[in-house]
C-alpha atoms as a PDB file:
ATOM      1  CA  MET A   1       0.000   0.000   0.000  1.00  0.00           C
ATOM      2  CA  PRO A   2       1.570   3.333  -1.038  1.00  0.00           C
ATOM      3  CA  GLY A   3       2.361   5.853   1.684  1.00  0.00           C
ATOM      4  CA  ARG A   4       0.566   9.139   2.149  1.00  0.00           C
ATOM      5  CA  GLY A   5       2.246  12.173   0.609  1.00  0.00           C
ATOM      6  CA  PHE A   6       3.211  15.240   2.629  1.00  0.00           C
ATOM      7  CA  ALA A   7       0.329  17.315   1.243  1.00  0.00           C
ATOM      8  CA  LEU A   8      -2.855  16.214  -0.514  1.00  0.00           C
ATOM      9  CA  ARG A   9      -5.504  18.246  -2.323  1.00  0.00           C
ATOM     10  CA  GLY A  10      -9.137  17.670  -1.581  1.00  0.00           C
ATOM     11  CA  SER A  11     -12.636  18.974  -1.079  1.00  0.00           C
ATOM     12  CA  THR A  12     -14.976  19.021   1.897  1.00  0.00           C
ATOM     13  CA  PHE A  13     -18.707  18.580   1.343  1.00  0.00           C
ATOM     14  CA  ARG A  14     -21.421  19.437   3.869  1.00  0.00           C
ATOM     15  CA  PHE A  15     -24.653  17.445   3.880  1.00  0.00           C
ATOM     16  CA  ARG A  16     -27.702  17.652   6.080  1.00  0.00           C
ATOM     17  CA  THR A  17     -28.661  14.300   7.654  1.00  0.00           C
ATOM     18  CA  GLU A  18     -31.100  13.141  10.312  1.00  0.00           C
ATOM     19  CA  ALA A  19     -28.179  13.377  12.760  1.00  0.00           C
ATOM     20  CA  GLY A  20     -27.373  16.979  11.804  1.00  0.00           C
ATOM     21  CA  HIS A  21     -24.712  18.123   9.377  1.00  0.00           C
ATOM     22  CA  VAL A  22     -22.081  15.667   8.218  1.00  0.00           C
ATOM     23  CA  TYR A  23     -18.830  16.855   6.694  1.00  0.00           C
ATOM     24  CA  VAL A  24     -17.089  14.564   4.205  1.00  0.00           C
ATOM     25  CA  THR A  25     -13.555  15.404   3.092  1.00  0.00           C
ATOM     26  CA  VAL A  26     -12.113  13.571   0.086  1.00  0.00           C
ATOM     27  CA  ASN A  27      -8.369  13.962  -0.527  1.00  0.00           C
ATOM     28  CA  ALA A  28      -6.540  12.869  -3.684  1.00  0.00           C
ATOM     29  CA  ASP A  29      -2.988  11.959  -4.597  1.00  0.00           C
ATOM     30  CA  GLY A  30      -0.987  13.906  -7.192  1.00  0.00           C
ATOM     31  CA  ASP A  31      -2.825  12.108 -10.003  1.00  0.00           C
ATOM     32  CA  GLY A  32      -6.242  13.220  -8.703  1.00  0.00           C
ATOM     33  CA  ARG A  33      -7.186   9.720  -7.477  1.00  0.00           C
ATOM     34  CA  PRO A  34      -9.051   9.745  -4.138  1.00  0.00           C
ATOM     35  CA  VAL A  35      -6.950   8.110  -1.414  1.00  0.00           C
ATOM     36  CA  GLU A  36      -8.439   9.451   1.805  1.00  0.00           C
ATOM     37  CA  VAL A  37     -11.911  10.084   3.213  1.00  0.00           C
ATOM     38  CA  PHE A  38     -12.710  11.804   6.507  1.00  0.00           C
ATOM     39  CA  VAL A  39     -16.263  11.816   7.872  1.00  0.00           C
ATOM     40  CA  ARG A  40     -17.313  14.075  10.749  1.00  0.00           C
ATOM     41  CA  THR A  41     -20.613  14.759  12.414  1.00  0.00           C
ATOM     42  CA  GLY A  42     -21.217  17.691  14.725  1.00  0.00           C
ATOM     43  CA  LYS A  43     -21.346  15.443  17.768  1.00  0.00           C
ATOM     44  CA  CYS A  44     -17.742  14.961  18.933  1.00  0.00           C
ATOM     45  CA  GLY A  45     -17.221  12.047  21.269  1.00  0.00           C
ATOM     46  CA  SER A  46     -20.549  10.441  20.364  1.00  0.00           C
ATOM     47  CA  THR A  47     -21.122   6.886  19.182  1.00  0.00           C
ATOM     48  CA  LEU A  48     -22.419   8.295  15.901  1.00  0.00           C
ATOM     49  CA  ASN A  49     -19.241  10.294  15.337  1.00  0.00           C
ATOM     50  CA  SER A  50     -17.101   7.228  16.075  1.00  0.00           C
ATOM     51  CA  LEU A  51     -19.095   5.226  13.495  1.00  0.00           C
ATOM     52  CA  ALA A  52     -18.692   8.056  10.970  1.00  0.00           C
ATOM     53  CA  GLU A  53     -14.935   8.092  11.605  1.00  0.00           C
ATOM     54  CA  ALA A  54     -14.817   4.303  11.130  1.00  0.00           C
ATOM     55  CA  LEU A  55     -16.668   4.657   7.817  1.00  0.00           C
ATOM     56  CA  GLY A  56     -14.065   7.177   6.631  1.00  0.00           C
ATOM     57  CA  ARG A  57     -11.165   4.999   7.755  1.00  0.00           C
ATOM     58  CA  LEU A  58     -12.531   1.935   5.948  1.00  0.00           C
ATOM     59  CA  ALA A  59     -13.228   3.930   2.768  1.00  0.00           C
ATOM     60  CA  SER A  60      -9.668   5.307   2.946  1.00  0.00           C
ATOM     61  CA  LEU A  61      -8.226   1.822   3.437  1.00  0.00           C
ATOM     62  CA  ALA A  62     -10.178   0.536   0.434  1.00  0.00           C
ATOM     63  CA  LEU A  63      -9.015   3.443  -1.747  1.00  0.00           C
ATOM     64  CA  ARG A  64      -5.366   3.153  -0.691  1.00  0.00           C
ATOM     65  CA  SER A  65      -5.549  -0.610  -1.308  1.00  0.00           C
ATOM     66  CA  GLY A  66      -6.504  -0.045  -4.945  1.00  0.00           C
ATOM     67  CA  ALA A  67     -10.305  -0.262  -4.825  1.00  0.00           C
ATOM     68  CA  ASP A  68     -12.045   1.556  -7.670  1.00  0.00           C
ATOM     69  CA  PRO A  69     -13.315   4.873  -6.207  1.00  0.00           C
ATOM     70  CA  GLU A  70     -16.471   4.660  -8.339  1.00  0.00           C
ATOM     71  CA  GLU A  71     -17.202   1.214  -6.918  1.00  0.00           C
ATOM     72  CA  VAL A  72     -16.667   2.463  -3.348  1.00  0.00           C
ATOM     73  CA  ALA A  73     -19.165   5.268  -4.063  1.00  0.00           C
ATOM     74  CA  ARG A  74     -21.602   2.832  -5.681  1.00  0.00           C
ATOM     75  CA  GLN A  75     -21.520   0.557  -2.626  1.00  0.00           C
ATOM     76  CA  LEU A  76     -22.339   3.438  -0.260  1.00  0.00           C
ATOM     77  CA  ARG A  77     -24.954   5.251  -2.353  1.00  0.00           C
ATOM     78  CA  GLY A  78     -28.532   4.327  -1.618  1.00  0.00           C
ATOM     79  CA  ILE A  79     -27.998   3.070   1.934  1.00  0.00           C
ATOM     80  CA  LYS A  80     -31.174   4.309   3.557  1.00  0.00           C
ATOM     81  CA  SER A  81     -31.967   5.889   6.893  1.00  0.00           C
ATOM     82  CA  VAL A  82     -34.190   8.954   7.186  1.00  0.00           C
ATOM     83  CA  GLN A  83     -34.113  10.972   3.961  1.00  0.00           C
ATOM     84  CA  THR A  84     -33.186  14.585   4.656  1.00  0.00           C
ATOM     85  CA  ARG A  85     -33.756  17.513   2.301  1.00  0.00           C
ATOM     86  CA  GLN A  86     -30.644  19.479   1.448  1.00  0.00           C
ATOM     87  CA  GLU A  87     -30.012  23.210   1.543  1.00  0.00           C
ATOM     88  CA  ALA A  88     -30.566  25.409  -1.501  1.00  0.00           C
ATOM     89  CA  GLY A  89     -27.715  25.085  -3.980  1.00  0.00           C
ATOM     90  CA  ALA A  90     -26.794  21.551  -2.883  1.00  0.00           C
ATOM     91  CA  PRO A  91     -26.031  19.101  -5.701  1.00  0.00           C
ATOM     92  CA  VAL A  92     -29.033  16.913  -4.806  1.00  0.00           C
ATOM     93  CA  THR A  93     -32.337  17.566  -3.084  1.00  0.00           C
ATOM     94  CA  ALA A  94     -32.006  14.822  -0.450  1.00  0.00           C
ATOM     95  CA  VAL A  95     -29.495  12.488   1.193  1.00  0.00           C
ATOM     96  CA  ASP A  96     -30.644   9.137   2.566  1.00  0.00           C
ATOM     97  CA  SER A  97     -27.993   8.521   5.267  1.00  0.00           C
ATOM     98  CA  ILE A  98     -24.418   9.250   6.320  1.00  0.00           C
ATOM     99  CA  PRO A  99     -23.045   6.425   4.092  1.00  0.00           C
ATOM    100  CA  ASP A 100     -25.140   7.814   1.217  1.00  0.00           C
ATOM    101  CA  ALA A 101     -23.530  11.230   1.817  1.00  0.00           C
ATOM    102  CA  VAL A 102     -20.042   9.675   1.703  1.00  0.00           C
ATOM    103  CA  GLY A 103     -20.852   7.935  -1.583  1.00  0.00           C
ATOM    104  CA  LEU A 104     -22.261  11.166  -2.989  1.00  0.00           C
ATOM    105  CA  ALA A 105     -19.161  13.113  -1.916  1.00  0.00           C
ATOM    106  CA  LEU A 106     -16.978  10.599  -3.771  1.00  0.00           C
ATOM    107  CA  GLU A 107     -19.221  10.887  -6.848  1.00  0.00           C
ATOM    108  CA  LEU A 108     -19.028  14.674  -6.761  1.00  0.00           C
ATOM    109  CA  PHE A 109     -15.267  14.557  -6.315  1.00  0.00           C
ATOM    110  CA  LEU A 110     -14.947  12.220  -9.296  1.00  0.00           C
ATOM    111  CA  GLY A 111     -17.594  14.112 -11.306  1.00  0.00           C
ATOM    112  CA  ASP A 112     -17.173  16.054 -14.518  1.00  0.00           C
ATOM    113  CA  GLY A 113     -13.644  17.417 -14.498  1.00  0.00           C
ATOM    114  CA  ARG A 114     -12.960  15.587 -11.188  1.00  0.00           C
ATOM    115  CA  GLN A 115     -12.942  18.348  -8.566  1.00  0.00           C
ATOM    116  CA  GLU A 116     -14.650  20.956 -10.780  1.00  0.00           C
ATOM    117  CA  ALA A 117     -18.061  19.808  -9.519  1.00  0.00           C
ATOM    118  CA  ALA A 118     -16.983  20.381  -5.946  1.00  0.00           C
ATOM    119  CA  HIS A 119     -16.117  23.973  -6.751  1.00  0.00           C
ATOM    120  CA  GLY A 120     -19.476  25.101  -8.172  1.00  0.00           C
ATOM    121  CA  ALA A 121     -19.038  24.032 -11.803  1.00  0.00           C
ATOM    122  CA  GLY A 122     -17.116  27.205 -12.564  1.00  0.00           C
ATOM    123  CA  GLU A 123     -19.782  29.782 -11.662  1.00  0.00           C
ATOM    124  CA  GLU A 124     -20.257  31.600  -8.388  1.00  0.00           C
ATOM    125  CA  GLY A 125     -23.412  30.270  -6.766  1.00  0.00           C
ATOM    126  CA  ALA A 126     -24.107  27.808  -9.582  1.00  0.00           C
ATOM    127  CA  GLU A 127     -26.488  24.973  -8.783  1.00  0.00           C
ATOM    128  CA  LEU A 128     -25.421  21.423  -9.529  1.00  0.00           C
ATOM    129  CA  PHE A 129     -27.750  18.647 -10.589  1.00  0.00           C
ATOM    130  CA  LEU A 130     -27.458  14.900 -10.250  1.00  0.00           C
ATOM    131  CA  ARG A 131     -27.936  13.051 -13.535  1.00  0.00           C
ATOM    132  CA  ILE A 132     -29.146   9.472 -13.517  1.00  0.00           C
ATOM    133  CA  GLY A 133     -28.025   7.707 -16.677  1.00  0.00           C
ATOM    134  CA  PRO A 134     -28.584   4.258 -18.152  1.00  0.00           C
ATOM    135  CA  ALA A 135     -28.149   1.364 -15.728  1.00  0.00           C
ATOM    136  CA  GLY A 136     -28.103   3.769 -12.781  1.00  0.00           C
ATOM    137  CA  GLU A 137     -24.979   5.653 -13.905  1.00  0.00           C
ATOM    138  CA  ARG A 138     -24.696   8.966 -12.110  1.00  0.00           C
ATOM    139  CA  GLY A 139     -22.993  12.226 -12.987  1.00  0.00           C
ATOM    140  CA  VAL A 140     -23.028  15.883 -12.056  1.00  0.00           C
ATOM    141  CA  GLY A 141     -23.916  18.761 -14.343  1.00  0.00           C
ATOM    142  CA  ALA A 142     -24.383  22.484 -14.048  1.00  0.00           C
ATOM    143  CA  SER A 143     -27.810  22.675 -15.671  1.00  0.00           C
ATOM    144  CA  PRO A 144     -30.891  20.455 -15.779  1.00  0.00           C
ATOM    145  CA  GLU A 145     -31.501  21.645 -19.350  1.00  0.00           C
ATOM    146  CA  SER A 146     -28.295  19.911 -20.409  1.00  0.00           C
ATOM    147  CA  ASP A 147     -29.748  16.541 -19.403  1.00  0.00           C
ATOM    148  CA  PRO A 148     -33.497  15.800 -19.337  1.00  0.00           C
ATOM    149  CA  ARG A 149     -32.951  13.125 -16.677  1.00  0.00           C
ATOM    150  CA  ALA A 150     -31.451  15.633 -14.212  1.00  0.00           C
ATOM    151  CA  ILE A 151     -32.926  15.848 -10.752  1.00  0.00           C
ATOM    152  CA  PRO A 152     -33.070  19.517  -9.715  1.00  0.00           C
END
């Protein structure tokens, strides 16, 4: 398993969940491949926060061990708890659970232009939309008009 570099680039995503906000940070190596995931809830020292940290550690281990980042995201997406509506401007209207949020963060990180989606698709205040493609393929776009299957 390759070692961690001195400095990594990444993005932090904030999602609303039934347990409050969850922050998911995805860091990539020099080639832009995700190698690290950190998951934090607002409840330090709680059982929930320890489970969130464990989820991030296991996702990081899988990524550093060569697992396909898209497959890691696919395995986490759709895990259900209590669906929670997201804030205006979020890339999706709802998140189903903390694992779902981690999978979504990985998808956004890997999205069109890799980290471009995480930075507002190039426009200040731009809204992002989740596209559902054939066979459940997902992607991120800047406009629902660009894809009729987009979920605003």
